[in-house]
C-alpha atoms as a PDB file:
ATOM      1  CA  LEU A   1     -42.160  83.483  75.653  1.00  0.00           C
ATOM      2  CA  SER A   2     -40.731  83.379  72.212  1.00  0.00           C
ATOM      3  CA  GLN A   3     -37.834  81.407  73.463  1.00  0.00           C
ATOM      4  CA  ARG A   4     -40.138  79.051  75.146  1.00  0.00           C
ATOM      5  CA  LEU A   5     -42.160  78.732  71.947  1.00  0.00           C
ATOM      6  CA  ALA A   6     -38.971  78.199  69.963  1.00  0.00           C
ATOM      7  CA  SER A   7     -37.869  75.558  72.454  1.00  0.00           C
ATOM      8  CA  LEU A   8     -41.263  73.853  72.250  1.00  0.00           C
ATOM      9  CA  ALA A   9     -41.168  74.033  68.448  1.00  0.00           C
ATOM     10  CA  ALA A  10     -37.661  72.500  68.415  1.00  0.00           C
ATOM     11  CA  THR A  11     -38.800  69.777  70.787  1.00  0.00           C
ATOM     12  CA  ALA A  12     -41.863  69.159  68.631  1.00  0.00           C
ATOM     13  CA  ARG A  13     -39.664  68.964  65.522  1.00  0.00           C
ATOM     14  CA  GLU A  14     -37.322  66.589  67.287  1.00  0.00           C
ATOM     15  CA  GLU A  15     -40.243  64.407  68.400  1.00  0.00           C
ATOM     16  CA  THR A  16     -41.717  64.589  64.885  1.00  0.00           C
ATOM     17  CA  TRP A  17     -38.411  63.529  63.382  1.00  0.00           C
ATOM     18  CA  GLN A  18     -38.118  60.630  65.880  1.00  0.00           C
ATOM     19  CA  SER A  19     -41.726  59.622  65.196  1.00  0.00           C
ATOM     20  CA  ARG A  20     -41.008  59.652  61.439  1.00  0.00           C
ATOM     21  CA  GLN A  21     -37.902  57.524  62.020  1.00  0.00           C
ATOM     22  CA  GLN A  22     -39.895  55.072  64.135  1.00  0.00           C
ATOM     23  CA  LEU A  23     -42.677  55.051  61.555  1.00  0.00           C
ATOM     24  CA  GLN A  24     -40.195  54.368  58.760  1.00  0.00           C
ATOM     25  CA  ALA A  25     -38.538  51.581  60.801  1.00  0.00           C
ATOM     26  CA  GLN A  26     -41.964  50.086  61.520  1.00  0.00           C
ATOM     27  CA  ARG A  27     -42.878  50.304  57.812  1.00  0.00           C
ATOM     28  CA  GLN A  28     -39.648  48.512  56.904  1.00  0.00           C
ATOM     29  CA  GLU A  29     -40.336  45.885  59.568  1.00  0.00           C
ATOM     30  CA  MET A  30     -43.886  45.529  58.281  1.00  0.00           C
ATOM     31  CA  ALA A  31     -42.636  45.138  54.681  1.00  0.00           C
ATOM     32  CA  ARG A  32     -40.156  42.500  55.827  1.00  0.00           C
ATOM     33  CA  LEU A  33     -42.866  40.640  57.758  1.00  0.00           C
ATOM     34  CA  GLN A  34     -45.243  40.816  54.779  1.00  0.00           C
ATOM     35  CA  GLU A  35     -42.518  39.376  52.568  1.00  0.00           C
ATOM     36  CA  GLU A  36     -41.948  36.531  55.067  1.00  0.00           C
ATOM     37  CA  LEU A  37     -45.700  35.954  55.222  1.00  0.00           C
ATOM     38  CA  SER A  38     -45.841  35.767  51.420  1.00  0.00           C
ATOM     39  CA  ARG A  39     -42.964  33.253  51.349  1.00  0.00           C
ATOM     40  CA  ALA A  40     -44.613  31.231  54.107  1.00  0.00           C
ATOM     41  CA  ARG A  41     -47.882  31.154  52.153  1.00  0.00           C
ATOM     42  CA  GLN A  42     -46.032  30.018  49.006  1.00  0.00           C
ATOM     43  CA  ASP A  43     -44.242  27.315  51.015  1.00  0.00           C
ATOM     44  CA  GLY A  44     -47.576  26.269  52.498  1.00  0.00           C
ATOM     45  CA  GLU A  45     -49.133  26.008  49.037  1.00  0.00           C
ATOM     46  CA  ARG A  46     -46.171  23.948  47.783  1.00  0.00           C
ATOM     47  CA  TRP A  47     -46.384  21.639  50.801  1.00  0.00           C
ATOM     48  CA  ALA A  48     -50.141  21.290  50.381  1.00  0.00           C
ATOM     49  CA  ALA A  49     -49.687  20.414  46.684  1.00  0.00           C
ATOM     50  CA  ALA A  50     -46.937  17.907  47.555  1.00  0.00           C
ATOM     51  CA  LEU A  51     -49.165  16.380  50.239  1.00  0.00           C
ATOM     52  CA  GLN A  52     -52.062  16.028  47.799  1.00  0.00           C
ATOM     53  CA  ARG A  53     -49.751  14.449  45.226  1.00  0.00           C
ATOM     54  CA  ALA A  54     -48.360  12.013  47.810  1.00  0.00           C
ATOM     55  CA  GLN A  55     -51.878  11.091  48.951  1.00  0.00           C
ATOM     56  CA  ARG A  56     -52.998  10.531  45.358  1.00  0.00           C
ATOM     57  CA  GLU A  57     -49.939   8.337  44.663  1.00  0.00           C
ATOM     58  CA  ALA A  58     -50.547   6.379  47.883  1.00  0.00           C
ATOM     59  CA  LEU A  59     -54.174   5.761  46.868  1.00  0.00           C
ATOM     60  CA  GLU A  60     -53.058   4.631  43.396  1.00  0.00           C
ATOM     61  CA  ARG A  61     -50.458   2.260  44.915  1.00  0.00           C
ATOM     62  CA  GLU A  62     -53.046   0.879  47.302  1.00  0.00           C
ATOM     63  CA  ALA A  63     -55.511   0.318  44.442  1.00  0.00           C
ATOM     64  CA  THR A  64     -52.792  -1.409  42.378  1.00  0.00           C
ATOM     65  CA  ARG A  65     -51.769  -3.546  45.363  1.00  0.00           C
ATOM     66  CA  GLY A  66     -55.406  -4.478  45.973  1.00  0.00           C
ATOM     67  CA  ALA A  67     -55.884  -5.497  42.341  1.00  0.00           C
ATOM     68  CA  GLU A  68     -52.654  -7.557  42.411  1.00  0.00           C
ATOM     69  CA  GLN A  69     -53.715  -9.228  45.643  1.00  0.00           C
ATOM     70  CA  ALA A  70     -57.103 -10.076  44.115  1.00  0.00           C
ATOM     71  CA  ARG A  71     -55.346 -11.591  41.061  1.00  0.00           C
ATOM     72  CA  GLN A  72     -53.071 -13.637  43.307  1.00  0.00           C
ATOM     73  CA  GLN A  73     -56.006 -14.893  45.377  1.00  0.00           C
ATOM     74  CA  GLU A  74     -57.821 -15.870  42.187  1.00  0.00           C
ATOM     75  CA  LEU A  75     -54.697 -17.682  40.965  1.00  0.00           C
ATOM     76  CA  ILE A  76     -54.412 -19.527  44.290  1.00  0.00           C
ATOM     77  CA  ARG A  77     -58.080 -20.488  44.106  1.00  0.00           C
ATOM     78  CA  ASP A  78     -57.593 -21.748  40.531  1.00  0.00           C
ATOM     79  CA  MET A  79     -54.473 -23.693  41.532  1.00  0.00           C
ATOM     80  CA  LYS A  80     -56.299 -25.312  44.460  1.00  0.00           C
ATOM     81  CA  GLY A  81     -59.125 -26.297  42.121  1.00  0.00           C
ATOM     82  CA  ARG A  82     -56.652 -27.759  39.635  1.00  0.00           C
ATOM     83  CA  LEU A  83     -54.901 -29.630  42.454  1.00  0.00           C
ATOM     84  CA  LEU A  84     -58.208 -31.162  43.519  1.00  0.00           C
ATOM     85  CA  GLU A  85     -58.919 -32.156  39.905  1.00  0.00           C
ATOM     86  CA  LEU A  86     -55.480 -33.785  39.622  1.00  0.00           C
ATOM     87  CA  LEU A  87     -55.947 -35.625  42.909  1.00  0.00           C
ATOM     88  CA  ARG A  88     -59.324 -36.959  41.763  1.00  0.00           C
ATOM     89  CA  GLU A  89     -57.779 -37.972  38.433  1.00  0.00           C
ATOM     90  CA  LYS A  90     -54.889 -39.687  40.239  1.00  0.00           C
ATOM     91  CA  ASP A  91     -57.322 -41.567  42.477  1.00  0.00           C
ATOM     92  CA  ALA A  92     -59.388 -42.649  39.473  1.00  0.00           C
ATOM     93  CA  LEU A  93     -56.261 -43.875  37.664  1.00  0.00           C
ATOM     94  CA  TRP A  94     -55.053 -45.649  40.782  1.00  0.00           C
ATOM     95  CA  GLN A  95     -58.405 -47.428  41.114  1.00  0.00           C
ATOM     96  CA  LYS A  96     -58.251 -48.440  37.450  1.00  0.00           C
ATOM     97  CA  THR A  97     -54.698 -49.821  37.779  1.00  0.00           C
ATOM     98  CA  GLU A  98     -55.134 -51.434  41.187  1.00  0.00           C
ATOM     99  CA  GLY A  99     -56.061 -54.818  39.724  1.00  0.00           C
ATOM    100  CA  ILE A 100     -53.279 -54.908  37.146  1.00  0.00           C
ATOM    101  CA  ASP A 101     -50.519 -57.332  38.096  1.00  0.00           C
ATOM    102  CA  THR A 102     -46.880 -56.364  37.845  1.00  0.00           C
ATOM    103  CA  PRO A 103     -44.705 -58.588  35.643  1.00  0.00           C
ATOM    104  CA  VAL A 104     -43.003 -61.354  37.530  1.00  0.00           C
ATOM    105  CA  PRO A 105     -39.497 -62.332  36.534  1.00  0.00           C
ATOM    106  CA  SER A 106     -39.302 -65.637  34.709  1.00  0.00           C
ATOM    107  CA  PRO A 107     -37.756 -68.523  36.588  1.00  0.00           C
ATOM    108  CA  VAL A 108     -34.062 -69.218  36.285  1.00  0.00           C
ATOM    109  CA  PRO A 109     -33.338 -71.569  33.371  1.00  0.00           C
ATOM    110  CA  ARG A 110     -31.929 -74.967  34.175  1.00  0.00           C
ATOM    111  CA  ASP A 111     -29.089 -74.606  31.646  1.00  0.00           C
ATOM    112  CA  PRO A 112     -26.436 -72.272  33.146  1.00  0.00           C
ATOM    113  CA  GLY A 113     -24.886 -71.782  29.703  1.00  0.00           C
ATOM    114  CA  LEU A 114     -27.822 -69.714  28.343  1.00  0.00           C
ATOM    115  CA  CYS A 115     -29.091 -66.190  29.073  1.00  0.00           C
ATOM    116  CA  ALA A 116     -32.290 -66.334  31.142  1.00  0.00           C
ATOM    117  CA  ARG A 117     -33.965 -63.718  28.892  1.00  0.00           C
ATOM    118  CA  CYS A 118     -32.776 -64.110  25.287  1.00  0.00           C
ATOM    119  CA  HIS A 119     -31.362 -67.691  25.606  1.00  0.00           C
ATOM    120  CA  LYS A 120     -28.048 -66.647  24.077  1.00  0.00           C
ATOM    121  CA  ASP A 121     -25.066 -68.982  24.687  1.00  0.00           C
ATOM    122  CA  PHE A 122     -22.418 -67.654  27.033  1.00  0.00           C
ATOM    123  CA  ARG A 123     -19.001 -67.941  25.391  1.00  0.00           C
ATOM    124  CA  LEU A 124     -15.624 -66.376  25.745  1.00  0.00           C
ATOM    125  CA  LEU A 125     -16.753 -62.970  24.434  1.00  0.00           C
ATOM    126  CA  SER A 126     -20.313 -62.940  25.849  1.00  0.00           C
ATOM    127  CA  ARG A 127     -20.043 -62.531  29.592  1.00  0.00           C
ATOM    128  CA  ARG A 128     -22.691 -63.796  32.009  1.00  0.00           C
ATOM    129  CA  TYR A 129     -24.016 -61.612  34.871  1.00  0.00           C
ATOM    130  CA  ASN A 130     -25.933 -62.754  37.926  1.00  0.00           C
ATOM    131  CA  CYS A 131     -29.106 -60.671  38.391  1.00  0.00           C
ATOM    132  CA  SER A 132     -28.600 -58.946  41.737  1.00  0.00           C
ATOM    133  CA  ARG A 133     -32.328 -58.414  42.362  1.00  0.00           C
ATOM    134  CA  LEU A 134     -35.357 -60.669  42.532  1.00  0.00           C
ATOM    135  CA  CYS A 135     -34.788 -63.526  40.109  1.00  0.00           C
ATOM    136  CA  GLN A 136     -31.046 -64.236  40.680  1.00  0.00           C
ATOM    137  CA  GLY A 137     -30.875 -65.491  37.066  1.00  0.00           C
ATOM    138  CA  LYS A 138     -27.872 -65.371  34.750  1.00  0.00           C
ATOM    139  CA  VAL A 139     -28.245 -62.746  31.977  1.00  0.00           C
ATOM    140  CA  CYS A 140     -26.073 -61.386  29.150  1.00  0.00           C
ATOM    141  CA  HIS A 141     -24.883 -57.805  28.810  1.00  0.00           C
ATOM    142  CA  THR A 142     -27.730 -56.855  26.429  1.00  0.00           C
ATOM    143  CA  CYS A 143     -30.463 -58.174  28.763  1.00  0.00           C
ATOM    144  CA  SER A 144     -29.107 -56.444  31.901  1.00  0.00           C
ATOM    145  CA  MET A 145     -28.800 -52.941  33.379  1.00  0.00           C
ATOM    146  CA  ASP A 146     -25.838 -51.525  35.291  1.00  0.00           C
ATOM    147  CA  MET A 147     -26.855 -50.677  38.884  1.00  0.00           C
ATOM    148  CA  GLY A 148     -23.515 -49.123  39.883  1.00  0.00           C
ATOM    149  CA  LYS A 149     -22.211 -50.518  43.185  1.00  0.00           C
ATOM    150  CA  HIS A 150     -25.056 -53.041  43.292  1.00  0.00           C
ATOM    151  CA  GLY A 151     -23.866 -54.823  40.149  1.00  0.00           C
ATOM    152  CA  ARG A 152     -26.179 -55.593  37.228  1.00  0.00           C
ATOM    153  CA  CYS A 153     -29.760 -56.833  37.102  1.00  0.00           C
ATOM    154  CA  CYS A 154     -32.065 -58.123  34.389  1.00  0.00           C
ATOM    155  CA  LEU A 155     -34.362 -55.658  32.583  1.00  0.00           C
ATOM    156  CA  ILE A 156     -37.563 -57.045  34.145  1.00  0.00           C
ATOM    157  CA  CYS A 157     -36.235 -56.622  37.701  1.00  0.00           C
ATOM    158  CA  TYR A 158     -34.967 -53.148  36.793  1.00  0.00           C
ATOM    159  CA  ARG A 159     -38.409 -52.127  35.438  1.00  0.00           C
ATOM    160  CA  GLN A 160     -40.084 -53.413  38.585  1.00  0.00           C
ATOM    161  CA  ARG A 161     -37.677 -51.464  40.735  1.00  0.00           C
ATOM    162  CA  HIS A 162     -37.808 -48.299  38.573  1.00  0.00           C
ATOM    163  CA  PRO A 163     -41.258 -48.078  36.884  1.00  0.00           C
ATOM    164  CA  GLN A 164     -40.694 -44.483  35.745  1.00  0.00           C
ATOM    165  CA  ALA A 165     -37.843 -45.640  33.474  1.00  0.00           C
ATOM    166  CA  THR A 166     -40.201 -47.421  31.065  1.00  0.00           C
END
């Protein structure tokens, strides 16, 4: 009986030792899992803070974009209004100037030895040019404009052809 009790006691000690080993292993596993849980919570808090920051920045960008779009629409509206004003002004000016006659070139003088505009004598040093536009008159260098390939024309014909130059 005593041997049996000793054997049972040894078995109980062995089982106790194994249970303590298992308990210690489970405690270590539990500590490791708690540490992972703590890290996961910290990561979750960081991600939540980053998400809130990103949402706040997105809302700020959207508000800024909305304000810029409103400014641009206002500018477009103002520009359209100004365009309408300018068109009305142009029409009013056109109506005012509609009856004004454009200058007509003077007729060609009968004397081919004089400039049709300033009546200067053509000599050896004062060259005569045929106006290559409307009047076909003979003009001096001073009273004519160079038209490049098209030759020269008198100032009146040039002004009629190019009104923005005056």
